[in-house]
Amino acid sequence: MGVILELARAKQKIIAQDARIAELEKQIPALVVPVTDLMMVSRSDFIAEMRKANIEPISLTTPLDAKLSLTSKAELDRIAPELVYPADWYVAQIWDCDDYGIQAQCDAGHKFGVSGVRLGLGNMPLGYHGFALTMDKEASIWWLESNAGFPYAGVWHKIGIRKYVPDKIFV
């Protein structure tokens, strides 16, 4: 009878350990797959394309990267959901629209190797706003709302859609 009781206790421990393992596995972040479909473009060419759309670089005394990595629209669409952040992160004047755009810029470069996703600034229905802005390998310009509080967050849009009209880019 002692062996049966010992076996039952061992099975209970295994069940508890399996539950704990399942709980810990839920905490493991999803695997991030970097973008491999990249094209390098010079900073000056990137700025020239943005200027064609009336988007000026944010003035810096020293330019940032000399080259930016761009990717296809398909790859931009794939990484877009990873560039959206919880609406409850928003704190006016502390962590607001420009910070969402900067976070998307940082994550696109760090996690996916796409340095051409940048902070964009411009007008939209609620006023002057910050968001993610990029150009794909075909020189099409796209914006993305990174605040999950907007129902259209996480999708790349052409300029003018939803009345987003960028006029500045941090490059």
Protein backbone atom coordinates (compact mmCIF):
# COMPACT_ATOMS: atom_id res chain seq x y z
CA MET A 1 0.00 0.00 0.00
CA GLY A 2 2.96 2.35 0.72
CA VAL A 3 4.20 2.06 -2.90
CA ILE A 4 0.76 2.96 -4.29
CA LEU A 5 0.55 6.02 -2.04
CA GLU A 6 4.06 7.06 -3.02
CA LEU A 7 3.16 6.65 -6.72
CA ALA A 8 -0.01 8.76 -6.27
CA ARG A 9 2.00 11.54 -4.58
CA ALA A 10 4.62 11.44 -7.34
CA LYS A 11 1.87 11.76 -10.00
CA GLN A 12 0.40 14.78 -8.14
CA LYS A 13 3.85 16.42 -8.13
CA ILE A 14 4.21 15.77 -11.86
CA ILE A 15 0.79 17.31 -12.53
CA ALA A 16 1.75 20.37 -10.45
CA GLN A 17 5.10 20.65 -12.27
CA ASP A 18 3.39 20.36 -15.66
CA ALA A 19 1.02 23.17 -14.68
CA ARG A 20 3.96 25.33 -13.57
CA ILE A 21 5.83 24.60 -16.83
CA ALA A 22 2.74 25.59 -18.85
CA GLU A 23 2.47 28.79 -16.80
CA LEU A 24 6.14 29.65 -17.43
CA GLU A 25 5.89 28.83 -21.15
CA LYS A 26 3.13 31.43 -21.47
CA GLN A 27 5.64 34.05 -20.29
CA ILE A 28 8.19 33.27 -23.01
CA PRO A 29 8.05 36.02 -25.64
CA ALA A 30 7.14 35.04 -29.19
CA LEU A 31 10.04 34.33 -31.51
CA VAL A 32 10.97 37.42 -33.49
CA VAL A 33 11.98 36.69 -37.08
CA PRO A 34 14.16 39.45 -38.54
CA VAL A 35 13.35 40.77 -42.00
CA THR A 36 15.74 39.44 -44.65
CA ASP A 37 14.19 41.14 -47.69
CA LEU A 38 16.14 44.39 -47.25
CA MET A 39 17.46 47.07 -49.57
CA MET A 40 19.87 49.81 -48.51
CA VAL A 41 19.18 53.38 -49.59
CA SER A 42 21.29 56.45 -48.91
CA ARG A 43 20.00 59.00 -46.42
CA SER A 44 19.99 61.65 -49.15
CA ASP A 45 17.88 59.46 -51.49
CA PHE A 46 15.50 58.65 -48.62
CA ILE A 47 15.10 62.36 -47.84
CA ALA A 48 14.63 63.17 -51.55
CA GLU A 49 11.75 60.68 -51.81
CA MET A 50 10.14 62.07 -48.63
CA ARG A 51 10.51 65.62 -49.96
CA LYS A 52 8.57 64.60 -53.08
CA ALA A 53 5.68 63.97 -50.66
CA ASN A 54 6.32 67.32 -48.89
CA ILE A 55 7.83 65.63 -45.83
CA GLU A 56 10.94 67.39 -44.47
CA PRO A 57 13.56 65.87 -42.20
CA ILE A 58 13.60 67.03 -38.62
CA SER A 59 16.54 69.42 -38.54
CA LEU A 60 19.69 68.08 -36.92
CA THR A 61 23.13 69.66 -36.93
CA THR A 62 24.67 66.22 -37.45
CA PRO A 63 22.84 63.74 -39.68
CA LEU A 64 21.96 60.33 -38.31
CA ASP A 65 22.58 57.13 -40.31
CA ALA A 66 24.10 57.54 -43.76
CA LYS A 67 22.06 54.57 -45.02
CA LEU A 68 18.67 53.16 -44.09
CA SER A 69 17.37 49.65 -44.65
CA LEU A 70 14.05 49.35 -46.47
CA THR A 71 11.92 46.30 -47.12
CA SER A 72 8.93 45.20 -49.16
CA LYS A 73 5.35 46.12 -48.35
CA ALA A 74 4.71 42.43 -47.60
CA GLU A 75 7.43 42.44 -44.94
CA LEU A 76 6.19 45.77 -43.55
CA ASP A 77 2.74 44.19 -43.22
CA ARG A 78 4.25 41.18 -41.45
CA ILE A 79 6.04 43.26 -38.81
CA ALA A 80 3.28 45.88 -38.38
CA PRO A 81 1.48 44.09 -35.50
CA GLU A 82 4.77 44.05 -33.57
CA LEU A 83 4.97 47.85 -33.80
CA VAL A 84 1.74 48.47 -31.88
CA TYR A 85 1.76 49.19 -28.16
CA PRO A 86 -0.93 49.22 -25.46
CA ALA A 87 -3.15 52.29 -25.32
CA ASP A 88 -2.72 52.44 -21.55
CA TRP A 89 0.97 53.34 -22.01
CA TYR A 90 -0.26 56.81 -23.02
CA VAL A 91 0.47 59.58 -20.52
CA ALA A 92 0.04 63.11 -21.90
CA GLN A 93 3.32 65.04 -22.17
CA ILE A 94 5.27 62.06 -20.77
CA TRP A 95 4.69 59.03 -23.02
CA ASP A 96 2.45 60.12 -25.85
CA CYS A 97 2.13 59.96 -29.64
CA ASP A 98 5.73 60.81 -30.50
CA ASP A 99 6.94 58.16 -28.04
CA TYR A 100 4.74 55.53 -29.71
CA GLY A 101 6.33 56.46 -33.04
CA ILE A 102 9.84 56.39 -31.56
CA GLN A 103 9.17 52.99 -29.99
CA ALA A 104 8.05 51.65 -33.38
CA GLN A 105 11.20 53.13 -34.98
CA CYS A 106 13.41 51.48 -32.36
CA ASP A 107 11.70 48.09 -32.51
CA ALA A 108 11.64 48.00 -36.32
CA GLY A 109 15.39 48.55 -36.40
CA HIS A 110 16.37 46.48 -33.38
CA LYS A 111 14.04 43.49 -33.74
CA PHE A 112 13.66 43.34 -37.51
CA GLY A 113 16.63 45.21 -38.99
CA VAL A 114 14.43 47.74 -40.80
CA SER A 115 15.99 51.12 -39.99
CA GLY A 116 13.81 52.95 -42.53
CA VAL A 117 10.82 52.94 -40.17
CA ARG A 118 11.06 56.37 -38.55
CA LEU A 119 9.15 58.79 -36.35
CA GLY A 120 6.84 60.85 -38.54
CA LEU A 121 5.02 64.01 -37.51
CA GLY A 122 2.07 65.64 -39.16
CA ASN A 123 -1.58 66.54 -39.13
CA MET A 124 -4.48 64.17 -38.56
CA PRO A 125 -8.09 64.72 -37.44
CA LEU A 126 -7.12 65.16 -33.75
CA GLY A 127 -4.36 67.68 -34.52
CA TYR A 128 -0.59 67.51 -34.91
CA HIS A 129 0.50 63.96 -34.19
CA GLY A 130 3.41 61.50 -34.07
CA PHE A 131 3.33 58.07 -35.75
CA ALA A 132 5.58 55.64 -37.63
CA LEU A 133 6.50 56.56 -41.20
CA THR A 134 8.46 54.59 -43.77
CA MET A 135 9.17 53.99 -47.42
CA ASP A 136 9.15 50.53 -49.00
CA LYS A 137 11.58 49.22 -51.61
CA GLU A 138 9.30 50.57 -54.38
CA ALA A 139 9.57 54.13 -52.91
CA SER A 140 5.93 54.09 -51.73
CA ILE A 141 5.48 55.99 -48.46
CA TRP A 142 3.43 54.46 -45.63
CA TRP A 143 2.35 55.55 -42.15
CA LEU A 144 1.34 53.38 -39.21
CA GLU A 145 -0.44 54.25 -35.97
CA SER A 146 1.39 52.50 -33.11
CA ASN A 147 -1.11 53.27 -30.35
CA ALA A 148 -3.48 50.31 -29.97
CA GLY A 149 -6.16 52.75 -28.82
CA PHE A 150 -6.80 53.65 -32.45
CA PRO A 151 -8.97 51.05 -34.23
CA TYR A 152 -6.75 51.22 -37.34
CA ALA A 153 -3.46 50.73 -35.43
CA GLY A 154 -1.04 48.16 -36.77
CA VAL A 155 -1.82 48.62 -40.47
CA TRP A 156 0.31 50.55 -42.95
CA HIS A 157 -1.63 53.28 -44.78
CA LYS A 158 -0.85 55.57 -47.70
CA ILE A 159 -0.49 59.28 -46.97
CA GLY A 160 -3.87 60.98 -46.71
CA ILE A 161 -5.77 57.86 -45.64
CA ARG A 162 -7.66 58.70 -42.44
CA LYS A 163 -6.45 62.26 -43.10
CA TYR A 164 -2.91 61.60 -41.82
CA VAL A 165 -0.64 64.06 -43.62
CA PRO A 166 2.98 63.90 -42.44
CA ASP A 167 5.28 66.89 -42.91
CA LYS A 168 8.33 65.85 -40.84
CA ILE A 169 10.41 62.69 -40.46
CA PHE A 170 13.18 61.96 -37.96
CA VAL A 171 16.01 60.90 -40.23
